[in-house]
Amino acid sequence: MCGAALTGLVATSLPDTTPTATGAAASARQDGDEPCPPGLEARLSDPGLPGLVPEGGELTPVQAAEYEKKLREALEPLRAQDIAPPREVPVVVHVIHGEDGEGRVSGERVREQIETLNSAYGGRFSTGPQSTDTGFRFTLSDITRTADDVWFSRFNDHRRTIRSQLHQGGPETLNIYTADLGPGLLGFSSFPQDYADDPEQDGVVVAHDTLPGGDRARFDLGHTATHEVGHWLGLFHTFQNGCDTPGDYVSDTPYEREPATGCPEGRDTCRIRRGLDPVDNFMNYSDDACMTTFTSGQAERMAQHWAAFRDGGPRALTRTGAAAE
């Protein structure tokens, strides 16, 4: 993949009358885009199928360490009071669908997805000590629609062209793309550190049937987007680096040797480490119904990435300007 806590910021007044674009894709129907450098984080319905993931697949320990180095370097000049979540994150959802209407996600389902994000990042899916309000809130700014059979069914082949033509906003704007990603692949995302070098490729991609009300069994509650937005805000998988130090670089998420599937409560794959596997964490591969939690450490890490790479301040503007030159 090349603030104050607010509620009620879901844009429910956007009518489902956004125009459908057809011409944008016409000039881009080629054999496929140039591949991106590795740096993708994704969510698979079957972790045994890594070949489905475009742009390099899971992060290696070396790649994760490089992202961590970039974060630490970007945080050095910042003051502690500068590190906080934004009041709200503007979201643009790009619905790419077949010319026969397949995958044309309704405005209602898009708004339900934004509500799901706000509930997940507001800590409303869990109770007790594991309930963490990250402080992040999301507001729907726009829905775009593109009818194109090739873009819809072969998104991965044309992902760079699609995103470069449809992307809106700067580093603070969350662009979500929906399309048919095929069996097994649920979604993928860029990291904040990638923005300066490839701003138009910034964003999250999810299978259209993973939004709330979709028909992807076990993955139809909207938490693929929750998971991928976590990557967009800088989080690694909970199983990053397995049982080896530094794990996912978050001190309060237990180590985990491998991704969870289903909802294996009580699993412990790193017995030499404290704690059971975080199968209920949004950054695992568990079923949607099992995902309920971000930790306070993850919330802090997302705020750090926001301050370092996505806020609207001078540093973000400078990087954006440099990338555009």
C-alpha atoms as a PDB file:
ATOM      1  CA  MET A   1       0.000   0.000   0.000  1.00  0.00           C
ATOM      2  CA  CYS A   2       1.954   2.040  -2.062  1.00  0.00           C
ATOM      3  CA  GLY A   3      -9.225  16.261  19.536  1.00  0.00           C
ATOM      4  CA  ALA A   4     -12.270  16.217  21.539  1.00  0.00           C
ATOM      5  CA  ALA A   5     -14.563  13.271  21.369  1.00  0.00           C
ATOM      6  CA  LEU A   6     -17.579  14.220  19.312  1.00  0.00           C
ATOM      7  CA  THR A   7     -20.744  12.329  18.523  1.00  0.00           C
ATOM      8  CA  GLY A   8     -23.435  12.788  15.917  1.00  0.00           C
ATOM      9  CA  LEU A   9     -21.018  13.726  13.139  1.00  0.00           C
ATOM     10  CA  VAL A  10     -22.345  11.203  10.637  1.00  0.00           C
ATOM     11  CA  ALA A  11     -23.524  12.968   7.489  1.00  0.00           C
ATOM     12  CA  THR A  12     -26.998  11.523   7.202  1.00  0.00           C
ATOM     13  CA  SER A  13     -28.349  14.287   5.020  1.00  0.00           C
ATOM     14  CA  LEU A  14     -26.527  13.342   1.829  1.00  0.00           C
ATOM     15  CA  PRO A  15     -29.154  12.144  -0.665  1.00  0.00           C
ATOM     16  CA  ASP A  16     -28.452   9.061  -2.731  1.00  0.00           C
ATOM     17  CA  THR A  17     -28.453  11.091  -5.934  1.00  0.00           C
ATOM     18  CA  THR A  18     -24.743  11.303  -6.674  1.00  0.00           C
ATOM     19  CA  PRO A  19     -24.117  11.048 -10.416  1.00  0.00           C
ATOM     20  CA  THR A  20     -22.723   7.929 -12.004  1.00  0.00           C
ATOM     21  CA  ALA A  21     -19.518   8.431 -13.982  1.00  0.00           C
ATOM     22  CA  THR A  22     -18.806   6.241 -16.978  1.00  0.00           C
ATOM     23  CA  GLY A  23     -16.324   8.172 -19.098  1.00  0.00           C
ATOM     24  CA  ALA A  24     -13.529   8.315 -16.532  1.00  0.00           C
ATOM     25  CA  ALA A  25     -12.766   4.639 -16.870  1.00  0.00           C
ATOM     26  CA  ALA A  26     -13.027   4.440 -20.637  1.00  0.00           C
ATOM     27  CA  SER A  27      -9.484   5.641 -21.325  1.00  0.00           C
ATOM     28  CA  ALA A  28      -7.971   3.429 -18.635  1.00  0.00           C
ATOM     29  CA  ARG A  29      -9.015  -0.012 -19.860  1.00  0.00           C
ATOM     30  CA  GLN A  30      -5.544  -1.355 -20.364  1.00  0.00           C
ATOM     31  CA  ASP A  31      -3.937  -4.627 -19.397  1.00  0.00           C
ATOM     32  CA  GLY A  32      -3.129  -3.359 -15.906  1.00  0.00           C
ATOM     33  CA  ASP A  33      -1.225  -0.743 -13.951  1.00  0.00           C
ATOM     34  CA  GLU A  34       2.410  -0.768 -12.991  1.00  0.00           C
ATOM     35  CA  PRO A  35       2.941  -2.626  -9.705  1.00  0.00           C
ATOM     36  CA  CYS A  36       3.533  -0.645  -6.512  1.00  0.00           C
ATOM     37  CA  PRO A  37       6.404  -1.122  -4.086  1.00  0.00           C
ATOM     38  CA  PRO A  38       5.627  -3.409  -1.135  1.00  0.00           C
ATOM     39  CA  GLY A  39       3.911  -1.768   1.824  1.00  0.00           C
ATOM     40  CA  LEU A  40       0.368  -3.084   1.801  1.00  0.00           C
ATOM     41  CA  GLU A  41      -1.623  -4.185   4.809  1.00  0.00           C
ATOM     42  CA  ALA A  42      -4.763  -6.130   4.063  1.00  0.00           C
ATOM     43  CA  ARG A  43      -7.514  -8.276   5.492  1.00  0.00           C
ATOM     44  CA  LEU A  44      -8.136 -11.764   4.142  1.00  0.00           C
ATOM     45  CA  SER A  45     -11.097 -14.024   4.793  1.00  0.00           C
ATOM     46  CA  ASP A  46      -8.600 -16.891   4.450  1.00  0.00           C
ATOM     47  CA  PRO A  47      -5.108 -16.006   5.756  1.00  0.00           C
ATOM     48  CA  GLY A  48      -3.732 -18.959   3.796  1.00  0.00           C
ATOM     49  CA  LEU A  49      -4.235 -17.115   0.509  1.00  0.00           C
ATOM     50  CA  PRO A  50      -1.605 -14.324   0.536  1.00  0.00           C
ATOM     51  CA  GLY A  51      -1.303 -14.422  -3.245  1.00  0.00           C
ATOM     52  CA  LEU A  52      -4.604 -12.566  -3.461  1.00  0.00           C
ATOM     53  CA  VAL A  53      -3.133  -9.409  -1.986  1.00  0.00           C
ATOM     54  CA  PRO A  54      -1.762  -6.805  -4.431  1.00  0.00           C
ATOM     55  CA  GLU A  55       1.179  -4.470  -3.900  1.00  0.00           C
ATOM     56  CA  GLY A  56       3.469  -6.667  -1.850  1.00  0.00           C
ATOM     57  CA  GLY A  57       1.300  -8.454   0.718  1.00  0.00           C
ATOM     58  CA  GLU A  58       1.942  -8.480   4.471  1.00  0.00           C
ATOM     59  CA  LEU A  59       4.692  -6.323   5.927  1.00  0.00           C
ATOM     60  CA  THR A  60       7.966  -8.035   6.700  1.00  0.00           C
ATOM     61  CA  PRO A  61       9.690  -7.247  10.020  1.00  0.00           C
ATOM     62  CA  VAL A  62      12.171  -5.054   8.129  1.00  0.00           C
ATOM     63  CA  GLN A  63       9.394  -3.082   6.417  1.00  0.00           C
ATOM     64  CA  ALA A  64       7.530  -2.621   9.709  1.00  0.00           C
ATOM     65  CA  ALA A  65      10.723  -1.377  11.354  1.00  0.00           C
ATOM     66  CA  GLU A  66      11.231   1.137   8.538  1.00  0.00           C
ATOM     67  CA  TYR A  67       7.709   2.503   9.037  1.00  0.00           C
ATOM     68  CA  GLU A  68       8.423   2.763  12.769  1.00  0.00           C
ATOM     69  CA  LYS A  69      11.645   4.657  12.071  1.00  0.00           C
ATOM     70  CA  LYS A  70       9.786   7.153   9.884  1.00  0.00           C
ATOM     71  CA  LEU A  71       7.200   7.656  12.631  1.00  0.00           C
ATOM     72  CA  ARG A  72       9.828   8.322  15.309  1.00  0.00           C
ATOM     73  CA  GLU A  73      11.646  10.785  13.054  1.00  0.00           C
ATOM     74  CA  ALA A  74       8.407  12.644  12.269  1.00  0.00           C
ATOM     75  CA  LEU A  75       7.434  12.844  15.955  1.00  0.00           C
ATOM     76  CA  GLU A  76      10.740  14.318  17.147  1.00  0.00           C
ATOM     77  CA  PRO A  77       9.898  17.996  16.482  1.00  0.00           C
ATOM     78  CA  LEU A  78       6.331  17.728  17.800  1.00  0.00           C
ATOM     79  CA  ARG A  79       5.220  18.747  21.270  1.00  0.00           C
ATOM     80  CA  ALA A  80       3.160  16.366  23.386  1.00  0.00           C
ATOM     81  CA  GLN A  81       0.158  18.707  23.224  1.00  0.00           C
ATOM     82  CA  ASP A  82       0.258  18.492  19.423  1.00  0.00           C
ATOM     83  CA  ILE A  83      -0.440  14.758  19.481  1.00  0.00           C
ATOM     84  CA  ALA A  84      -4.211  14.283  19.587  1.00  0.00           C
ATOM     85  CA  PRO A  85      -6.975  12.923  17.356  1.00  0.00           C
ATOM     86  CA  PRO A  86      -8.723  15.397  15.028  1.00  0.00           C
ATOM     87  CA  ARG A  87     -12.176  16.739  15.759  1.00  0.00           C
ATOM     88  CA  GLU A  88     -13.385  14.830  12.731  1.00  0.00           C
ATOM     89  CA  VAL A  89     -12.047  12.976   9.692  1.00  0.00           C
ATOM     90  CA  PRO A  90     -13.754  13.816   6.374  1.00  0.00           C
ATOM     91  CA  VAL A  91     -14.619  10.705   4.372  1.00  0.00           C
ATOM     92  CA  VAL A  92     -15.185  10.352   0.634  1.00  0.00           C
ATOM     93  CA  VAL A  93     -16.624   7.002  -0.473  1.00  0.00           C
ATOM     94  CA  HIS A  94     -16.064   5.966  -4.086  1.00  0.00           C
ATOM     95  CA  VAL A  95     -18.580   3.301  -5.131  1.00  0.00           C
ATOM     96  CA  ILE A  96     -17.336   1.443  -8.208  1.00  0.00           C
ATOM     97  CA  HIS A  97     -19.959  -0.885  -9.619  1.00  0.00           C
ATOM     98  CA  GLY A  98     -20.887  -2.937 -12.641  1.00  0.00           C
ATOM     99  CA  GLU A  99     -22.741  -1.364 -15.522  1.00  0.00           C
ATOM    100  CA  ASP A 100     -25.695  -3.627 -14.673  1.00  0.00           C
ATOM    101  CA  GLY A 101     -25.782  -2.192 -11.137  1.00  0.00           C
ATOM    102  CA  GLU A 102     -23.947  -5.020  -9.393  1.00  0.00           C
ATOM    103  CA  GLY A 103     -22.080  -3.640  -6.392  1.00  0.00           C
ATOM    104  CA  ARG A 104     -23.887  -0.285  -6.489  1.00  0.00           C
ATOM    105  CA  VAL A 105     -23.847   0.226  -2.733  1.00  0.00           C
ATOM    106  CA  SER A 106     -26.739   2.390  -1.583  1.00  0.00           C
ATOM    107  CA  GLY A 107     -26.303   5.679   0.214  1.00  0.00           C
ATOM    108  CA  GLU A 108     -28.008   4.147   3.238  1.00  0.00           C
ATOM    109  CA  ARG A 109     -25.387   1.394   3.482  1.00  0.00           C
ATOM    110  CA  VAL A 110     -22.585   3.920   3.081  1.00  0.00           C
ATOM    111  CA  ARG A 111     -23.991   5.946   5.970  1.00  0.00           C
ATOM    112  CA  GLU A 112     -24.329   2.774   8.043  1.00  0.00           C
ATOM    113  CA  GLN A 113     -20.652   2.127   7.390  1.00  0.00           C
ATOM    114  CA  ILE A 114     -19.738   5.580   8.695  1.00  0.00           C
ATOM    115  CA  GLU A 115     -21.879   4.922  11.768  1.00  0.00           C
ATOM    116  CA  THR A 116     -20.030   1.631  12.277  1.00  0.00           C
ATOM    117  CA  LEU A 117     -16.684   3.409  12.095  1.00  0.00           C
ATOM    118  CA  ASN A 118     -17.816   5.962  14.660  1.00  0.00           C
ATOM    119  CA  SER A 119     -19.068   3.236  16.986  1.00  0.00           C
ATOM    120  CA  ALA A 120     -15.879   1.191  16.643  1.00  0.00           C
ATOM    121  CA  TYR A 121     -13.521   4.120  17.119  1.00  0.00           C
ATOM    122  CA  GLY A 122     -15.736   5.469  19.896  1.00  0.00           C
ATOM    123  CA  GLY A 123     -15.416   2.249  21.907  1.00  0.00           C
ATOM    124  CA  ARG A 124     -19.095   1.385  21.703  1.00  0.00           C
ATOM    125  CA  PHE A 125     -18.715  -2.272  20.688  1.00  0.00           C
ATOM    126  CA  SER A 126     -17.126  -3.319  23.986  1.00  0.00           C
ATOM    127  CA  THR A 127     -17.657  -2.669  27.679  1.00  0.00           C
ATOM    128  CA  GLY A 128     -15.496  -2.597  30.779  1.00  0.00           C
ATOM    129  CA  PRO A 129     -11.730  -1.993  30.848  1.00  0.00           C
ATOM    130  CA  GLN A 130     -11.334  -3.021  27.198  1.00  0.00           C
ATOM    131  CA  SER A 131     -13.669  -0.253  26.011  1.00  0.00           C
ATOM    132  CA  THR A 132     -11.447   2.421  24.457  1.00  0.00           C
ATOM    133  CA  ASP A 133     -12.677   5.611  22.851  1.00  0.00           C
ATOM    134  CA  THR A 134      -9.892   6.457  20.403  1.00  0.00           C
ATOM    135  CA  GLY A 135     -11.164  10.007  19.941  1.00  0.00           C
ATOM    136  CA  PHE A 136     -11.440   9.639  16.162  1.00  0.00           C
ATOM    137  CA  ARG A 137     -14.751  10.556  14.529  1.00  0.00           C
ATOM    138  CA  PHE A 138     -15.683  10.318  10.860  1.00  0.00           C
ATOM    139  CA  THR A 139     -18.054  12.443   8.805  1.00  0.00           C
ATOM    140  CA  LEU A 140     -19.270  11.647   5.295  1.00  0.00           C
ATOM    141  CA  SER A 141     -18.316  14.402   2.851  1.00  0.00           C
ATOM    142  CA  ASP A 142     -19.180  12.868  -0.509  1.00  0.00           C
ATOM    143  CA  ILE A 143     -20.198   9.721  -2.369  1.00  0.00           C
ATOM    144  CA  THR A 144     -18.987   9.230  -5.937  1.00  0.00           C
ATOM    145  CA  ARG A 145     -20.240   6.516  -8.269  1.00  0.00           C
ATOM    146  CA  THR A 146     -18.495   4.996 -11.267  1.00  0.00           C
ATOM    147  CA  ALA A 147     -20.157   2.380 -13.492  1.00  0.00           C
ATOM    148  CA  ASP A 148     -17.460   0.333 -15.185  1.00  0.00           C
ATOM    149  CA  ASP A 149     -17.376  -3.448 -15.510  1.00  0.00           C
ATOM    150  CA  VAL A 150     -13.583  -3.634 -15.781  1.00  0.00           C
ATOM    151  CA  TRP A 151     -12.870  -1.340 -12.859  1.00  0.00           C
ATOM    152  CA  PHE A 152     -15.457  -3.148 -10.740  1.00  0.00           C
ATOM    153  CA  SER A 153     -14.369  -6.722 -11.436  1.00  0.00           C
ATOM    154  CA  ARG A 154     -10.620  -6.101 -11.888  1.00  0.00           C
ATOM    155  CA  PHE A 155      -9.961  -3.341  -9.388  1.00  0.00           C
ATOM    156  CA  ASN A 156      -6.566  -4.719  -8.376  1.00  0.00           C
ATOM    157  CA  ASP A 157      -5.329  -4.682 -11.978  1.00  0.00           C
ATOM    158  CA  HIS A 158      -6.248  -1.010 -12.398  1.00  0.00           C
ATOM    159  CA  ARG A 159      -5.971   0.228  -8.819  1.00  0.00           C
ATOM    160  CA  ARG A 160      -3.406   2.961  -9.490  1.00  0.00           C
ATOM    161  CA  THR A 161      -5.376   4.464 -12.372  1.00  0.00           C
ATOM    162  CA  ILE A 162      -8.643   4.275 -10.439  1.00  0.00           C
ATOM    163  CA  ARG A 163      -7.305   5.928  -7.321  1.00  0.00           C
ATOM    164  CA  SER A 164      -5.367   8.615  -9.171  1.00  0.00           C
ATOM    165  CA  GLN A 165      -8.522   9.627 -11.068  1.00  0.00           C
ATOM    166  CA  LEU A 166     -10.969   9.496  -8.158  1.00  0.00           C
ATOM    167  CA  HIS A 167      -8.936  10.515  -5.098  1.00  0.00           C
ATOM    168  CA  GLN A 168     -10.078  13.674  -3.301  1.00  0.00           C
ATOM    169  CA  GLY A 169      -8.588  15.870  -0.586  1.00  0.00           C
ATOM    170  CA  GLY A 170      -5.287  15.862   1.248  1.00  0.00           C
ATOM    171  CA  PRO A 171      -3.669  13.626   3.882  1.00  0.00           C
ATOM    172  CA  GLU A 172      -6.498  14.337   6.331  1.00  0.00           C
ATOM    173  CA  THR A 173      -9.226  13.032   3.985  1.00  0.00           C
ATOM    174  CA  LEU A 174     -10.121   9.347   4.144  1.00  0.00           C
ATOM    175  CA  ASN A 175     -10.871   7.970   0.672  1.00  0.00           C
ATOM    176  CA  ILE A 176     -12.717   4.632   0.740  1.00  0.00           C
ATOM    177  CA  TYR A 177     -13.145   2.639  -2.479  1.00  0.00           C
ATOM    178  CA  THR A 178     -15.643  -0.207  -2.856  1.00  0.00           C
ATOM    179  CA  ALA A 179     -15.502  -2.803  -5.633  1.00  0.00           C
ATOM    180  CA  ASP A 180     -15.460  -6.565  -6.257  1.00  0.00           C
ATOM    181  CA  LEU A 181     -12.096  -7.794  -4.970  1.00  0.00           C
ATOM    182  CA  GLY A 182     -12.797 -11.454  -5.673  1.00  0.00           C
ATOM    183  CA  PRO A 183     -12.952 -14.363  -3.212  1.00  0.00           C
ATOM    184  CA  GLY A 184     -10.721 -14.242  -0.160  1.00  0.00           C
ATOM    185  CA  LEU A 185      -9.560 -10.614  -0.268  1.00  0.00           C
ATOM    186  CA  LEU A 186     -11.683  -8.340   1.913  1.00  0.00           C
ATOM    187  CA  GLY A 187      -9.721  -5.095   1.715  1.00  0.00           C
ATOM    188  CA  PHE A 188      -6.379  -3.311   1.831  1.00  0.00           C
ATOM    189  CA  SER A 189      -4.987   0.079   2.808  1.00  0.00           C
ATOM    190  CA  SER A 190      -2.070   2.475   2.562  1.00  0.00           C
ATOM    191  CA  PHE A 191      -0.078   3.706   5.557  1.00  0.00           C
ATOM    192  CA  PRO A 192       0.299   7.365   6.620  1.00  0.00           C
ATOM    193  CA  GLN A 193       4.036   7.197   5.892  1.00  0.00           C
ATOM    194  CA  ASP A 194       3.259   6.485   2.216  1.00  0.00           C
ATOM    195  CA  TYR A 195       1.373   9.721   1.598  1.00  0.00           C
ATOM    196  CA  ALA A 196       4.263  12.062   0.792  1.00  0.00           C
ATOM    197  CA  ASP A 197       5.618   9.832  -1.974  1.00  0.00           C
ATOM    198  CA  ASP A 198       2.293   8.713  -3.463  1.00  0.00           C
ATOM    199  CA  PRO A 199      -0.566  10.989  -2.342  1.00  0.00           C
ATOM    200  CA  GLU A 200      -3.132   9.933  -4.951  1.00  0.00           C
ATOM    201  CA  GLN A 201      -2.806   6.285  -3.897  1.00  0.00           C
ATOM    202  CA  ASP A 202      -3.663   7.086  -0.274  1.00  0.00           C
ATOM    203  CA  GLY A 203      -6.799   5.448   1.076  1.00  0.00           C
ATOM    204  CA  VAL A 204      -8.697   2.276   1.885  1.00  0.00           C
ATOM    205  CA  VAL A 205     -10.166  -0.339  -0.461  1.00  0.00           C
ATOM    206  CA  VAL A 206     -12.885  -2.752   0.695  1.00  0.00           C
ATOM    207  CA  ALA A 207     -15.009  -5.379  -0.991  1.00  0.00           C
ATOM    208  CA  HIS A 208     -18.461  -3.928  -1.625  1.00  0.00           C
ATOM    209  CA  ASP A 209     -20.214  -6.809   0.118  1.00  0.00           C
ATOM    210  CA  THR A 210     -18.398  -6.202   3.427  1.00  0.00           C
ATOM    211  CA  LEU A 211     -20.296  -2.993   4.181  1.00  0.00           C
ATOM    212  CA  PRO A 212     -23.167  -3.327   6.673  1.00  0.00           C
ATOM    213  CA  GLY A 213     -26.040  -5.140   5.017  1.00  0.00           C
ATOM    214  CA  GLY A 214     -23.778  -6.948   2.551  1.00  0.00           C
ATOM    215  CA  ASP A 215     -23.851 -10.657   1.841  1.00  0.00           C
ATOM    216  CA  ARG A 216     -20.252 -11.640   2.670  1.00  0.00           C
ATOM    217  CA  ALA A 217     -20.839 -14.318   5.293  1.00  0.00           C
ATOM    218  CA  ARG A 218     -18.948 -13.640   8.561  1.00  0.00           C
ATOM    219  CA  PHE A 219     -17.695 -10.320   7.205  1.00  0.00           C
ATOM    220  CA  ASP A 220     -20.832  -8.254   6.620  1.00  0.00           C
ATOM    221  CA  LEU A 221     -20.930  -5.949   9.658  1.00  0.00           C
ATOM    222  CA  GLY A 222     -18.597  -3.285   8.295  1.00  0.00           C
ATOM    223  CA  HIS A 223     -15.459  -4.161  10.235  1.00  0.00           C
ATOM    224  CA  THR A 224     -13.317  -4.698   7.166  1.00  0.00           C
ATOM    225  CA  ALA A 225     -13.424  -0.912   6.830  1.00  0.00           C
ATOM    226  CA  THR A 226     -12.790  -0.574  10.578  1.00  0.00           C
ATOM    227  CA  HIS A 227      -9.709  -2.779  10.204  1.00  0.00           C
ATOM    228  CA  GLU A 228      -8.369  -1.055   7.091  1.00  0.00           C
ATOM    229  CA  VAL A 229      -8.885   2.431   8.524  1.00  0.00           C
ATOM    230  CA  GLY A 230      -6.732   1.250  11.432  1.00  0.00           C
ATOM    231  CA  HIS A 231      -3.916   0.678   8.930  1.00  0.00           C
ATOM    232  CA  TRP A 232      -4.651   4.067   7.326  1.00  0.00           C
ATOM    233  CA  LEU A 233      -4.078   5.529  10.802  1.00  0.00           C
ATOM    234  CA  GLY A 234      -0.818   3.632  11.247  1.00  0.00           C
ATOM    235  CA  LEU A 235      -1.675   0.394  13.061  1.00  0.00           C
ATOM    236  CA  PHE A 236      -0.082  -2.937  12.198  1.00  0.00           C
ATOM    237  CA  HIS A 237      -1.805  -6.304  12.557  1.00  0.00           C
ATOM    238  CA  THR A 238      -1.843  -7.667  16.093  1.00  0.00           C
ATOM    239  CA  PHE A 239       0.174 -10.630  14.806  1.00  0.00           C
ATOM    240  CA  GLN A 240       2.942  -8.469  13.279  1.00  0.00           C
ATOM    241  CA  ASN A 241       6.307 -10.111  14.102  1.00  0.00           C
ATOM    242  CA  GLY A 242       4.544 -13.082  15.715  1.00  0.00           C
ATOM    243  CA  CYS A 243       5.856 -13.834  19.201  1.00  0.00           C
ATOM    244  CA  ASP A 244       9.041 -11.850  18.609  1.00  0.00           C
ATOM    245  CA  THR A 245       9.846  -8.395  19.976  1.00  0.00           C
ATOM    246  CA  PRO A 246       8.594  -5.736  19.223  1.00  0.00           C
ATOM    247  CA  GLY A 247       5.369  -7.381  18.028  1.00  0.00           C
ATOM    248  CA  ASP A 248       2.975  -4.773  16.649  1.00  0.00           C
ATOM    249  CA  TYR A 249       4.809  -1.907  18.422  1.00  0.00           C
ATOM    250  CA  VAL A 250       1.891  -1.482  20.869  1.00  0.00           C
ATOM    251  CA  SER A 251       2.627  -2.363  24.500  1.00  0.00           C
ATOM    252  CA  ASP A 252      -0.895  -3.321  25.578  1.00  0.00           C
ATOM    253  CA  THR A 253      -1.773  -5.751  22.767  1.00  0.00           C
ATOM    254  CA  PRO A 254      -0.667  -9.316  23.593  1.00  0.00           C
ATOM    255  CA  TYR A 255       1.747 -11.046  21.247  1.00  0.00           C
ATOM    256  CA  GLU A 256       0.180 -13.399  18.707  1.00  0.00           C
ATOM    257  CA  ARG A 257       1.965 -15.947  16.530  1.00  0.00           C
ATOM    258  CA  GLU A 258      -0.530 -15.945  13.650  1.00  0.00           C
ATOM    259  CA  PRO A 259      -3.838 -14.376  12.610  1.00  0.00           C
ATOM    260  CA  ALA A 260      -7.057 -15.594  14.163  1.00  0.00           C
ATOM    261  CA  THR A 261      -9.912 -16.954  12.082  1.00  0.00           C
ATOM    262  CA  GLY A 262     -13.466 -17.316  13.305  1.00  0.00           C
ATOM    263  CA  CYS A 263     -13.656 -16.347  16.976  1.00  0.00           C
ATOM    264  CA  PRO A 264     -11.231 -18.592  18.916  1.00  0.00           C
ATOM    265  CA  GLU A 265     -11.682 -17.088  22.372  1.00  0.00           C
ATOM    266  CA  GLY A 266      -9.066 -18.230  24.862  1.00  0.00           C
ATOM    267  CA  ARG A 267      -6.438 -18.963  22.206  1.00  0.00           C
ATOM    268  CA  ASP A 268      -2.810 -18.520  23.287  1.00  0.00           C
ATOM    269  CA  THR A 269      -0.246 -18.905  20.508  1.00  0.00           C
ATOM    270  CA  CYS A 270       2.595 -17.169  22.385  1.00  0.00           C
ATOM    271  CA  ARG A 271       2.730 -19.027  25.682  1.00  0.00           C
ATOM    272  CA  ILE A 272       6.077 -17.486  26.572  1.00  0.00           C
ATOM    273  CA  ARG A 273       4.354 -14.079  26.532  1.00  0.00           C
ATOM    274  CA  ARG A 274       1.718 -12.640  28.833  1.00  0.00           C
ATOM    275  CA  GLY A 275      -1.918 -12.587  27.821  1.00  0.00           C
ATOM    276  CA  LEU A 276      -4.215 -14.502  25.526  1.00  0.00           C
ATOM    277  CA  ASP A 277      -4.336 -13.755  21.821  1.00  0.00           C
ATOM    278  CA  PRO A 278      -6.263 -10.520  21.089  1.00  0.00           C
ATOM    279  CA  VAL A 279      -8.864 -12.254  18.948  1.00  0.00           C
ATOM    280  CA  ASP A 280     -11.405  -9.487  19.676  1.00  0.00           C
ATOM    281  CA  ASN A 281      -9.115  -6.747  18.385  1.00  0.00           C
ATOM    282  CA  PHE A 282     -10.102  -4.891  15.223  1.00  0.00           C
ATOM    283  CA  MET A 283      -6.574  -5.381  13.842  1.00  0.00           C
ATOM    284  CA  ASN A 284      -6.826  -9.169  13.815  1.00  0.00           C
ATOM    285  CA  TYR A 285      -8.405 -11.391  11.128  1.00  0.00           C
ATOM    286  CA  SER A 286     -11.313 -12.620  13.284  1.00  0.00           C
ATOM    287  CA  ASP A 287     -14.918 -12.648  12.097  1.00  0.00           C
ATOM    288  CA  ASP A 288     -16.706  -9.300  12.216  1.00  0.00           C
ATOM    289  CA  ALA A 289     -18.935 -10.442  15.083  1.00  0.00           C
ATOM    290  CA  CYS A 290     -15.846 -11.178  17.189  1.00  0.00           C
ATOM    291  CA  MET A 291     -14.204  -7.790  16.636  1.00  0.00           C
ATOM    292  CA  THR A 292     -15.002  -5.305  19.402  1.00  0.00           C
ATOM    293  CA  THR A 293     -11.867  -3.554  20.618  1.00  0.00           C
ATOM    294  CA  PHE A 294      -9.055  -1.099  20.114  1.00  0.00           C
ATOM    295  CA  THR A 295      -6.653  -0.736  23.044  1.00  0.00           C
ATOM    296  CA  SER A 296      -5.556   2.533  24.617  1.00  0.00           C
ATOM    297  CA  GLY A 297      -2.083   1.902  23.226  1.00  0.00           C
ATOM    298  CA  GLN A 298      -3.486   1.579  19.727  1.00  0.00           C
ATOM    299  CA  ALA A 299      -5.446   4.809  20.223  1.00  0.00           C
ATOM    300  CA  GLU A 300      -2.241   6.585  21.235  1.00  0.00           C
ATOM    301  CA  ARG A 301      -0.385   5.191  18.231  1.00  0.00           C
ATOM    302  CA  MET A 302      -3.107   6.340  15.826  1.00  0.00           C
ATOM    303  CA  ALA A 303      -2.989   9.833  17.336  1.00  0.00           C
ATOM    304  CA  GLN A 304       0.786   9.858  16.856  1.00  0.00           C
ATOM    305  CA  HIS A 305       0.455   8.941  13.191  1.00  0.00           C
ATOM    306  CA  TRP A 306      -2.217  11.580  12.702  1.00  0.00           C
ATOM    307  CA  ALA A 307      -0.041  14.302  14.210  1.00  0.00           C
ATOM    308  CA  ALA A 308       3.031  13.184  12.273  1.00  0.00           C
ATOM    309  CA  PHE A 309       1.525  12.599   8.840  1.00  0.00           C
ATOM    310  CA  ARG A 310      -2.145  13.550   8.517  1.00  0.00           C
ATOM    311  CA  ASP A 311      -2.948  16.705  10.435  1.00  0.00           C
ATOM    312  CA  GLY A 312      -3.669  19.869   8.468  1.00  0.00           C
ATOM    313  CA  GLY A 313      -0.710  21.714   9.912  1.00  0.00           C
ATOM    314  CA  PRO A 314       2.419  23.068   8.250  1.00  0.00           C
ATOM    315  CA  ARG A 315       4.245  19.713   8.191  1.00  0.00           C
ATOM    316  CA  ALA A 316       1.447  17.987   6.285  1.00  0.00           C
ATOM    317  CA  LEU A 317       1.070  20.934   3.911  1.00  0.00           C
ATOM    318  CA  THR A 318       4.792  21.017   3.236  1.00  0.00           C
ATOM    319  CA  ARG A 319       4.894  17.326   2.417  1.00  0.00           C
ATOM    320  CA  THR A 320       1.837  17.627   0.184  1.00  0.00           C
ATOM    321  CA  GLY A 321       3.338  20.546  -1.692  1.00  0.00           C
ATOM    322  CA  ALA A 322       6.642  18.768  -2.119  1.00  0.00           C
ATOM    323  CA  ALA A 323       4.929  15.676  -3.476  1.00  0.00           C
ATOM    324  CA  ALA A 324       2.956  17.730  -5.960  1.00  0.00           C
ATOM    325  CA  GLU A 325       5.966  19.499  -7.454  1.00  0.00           C
END
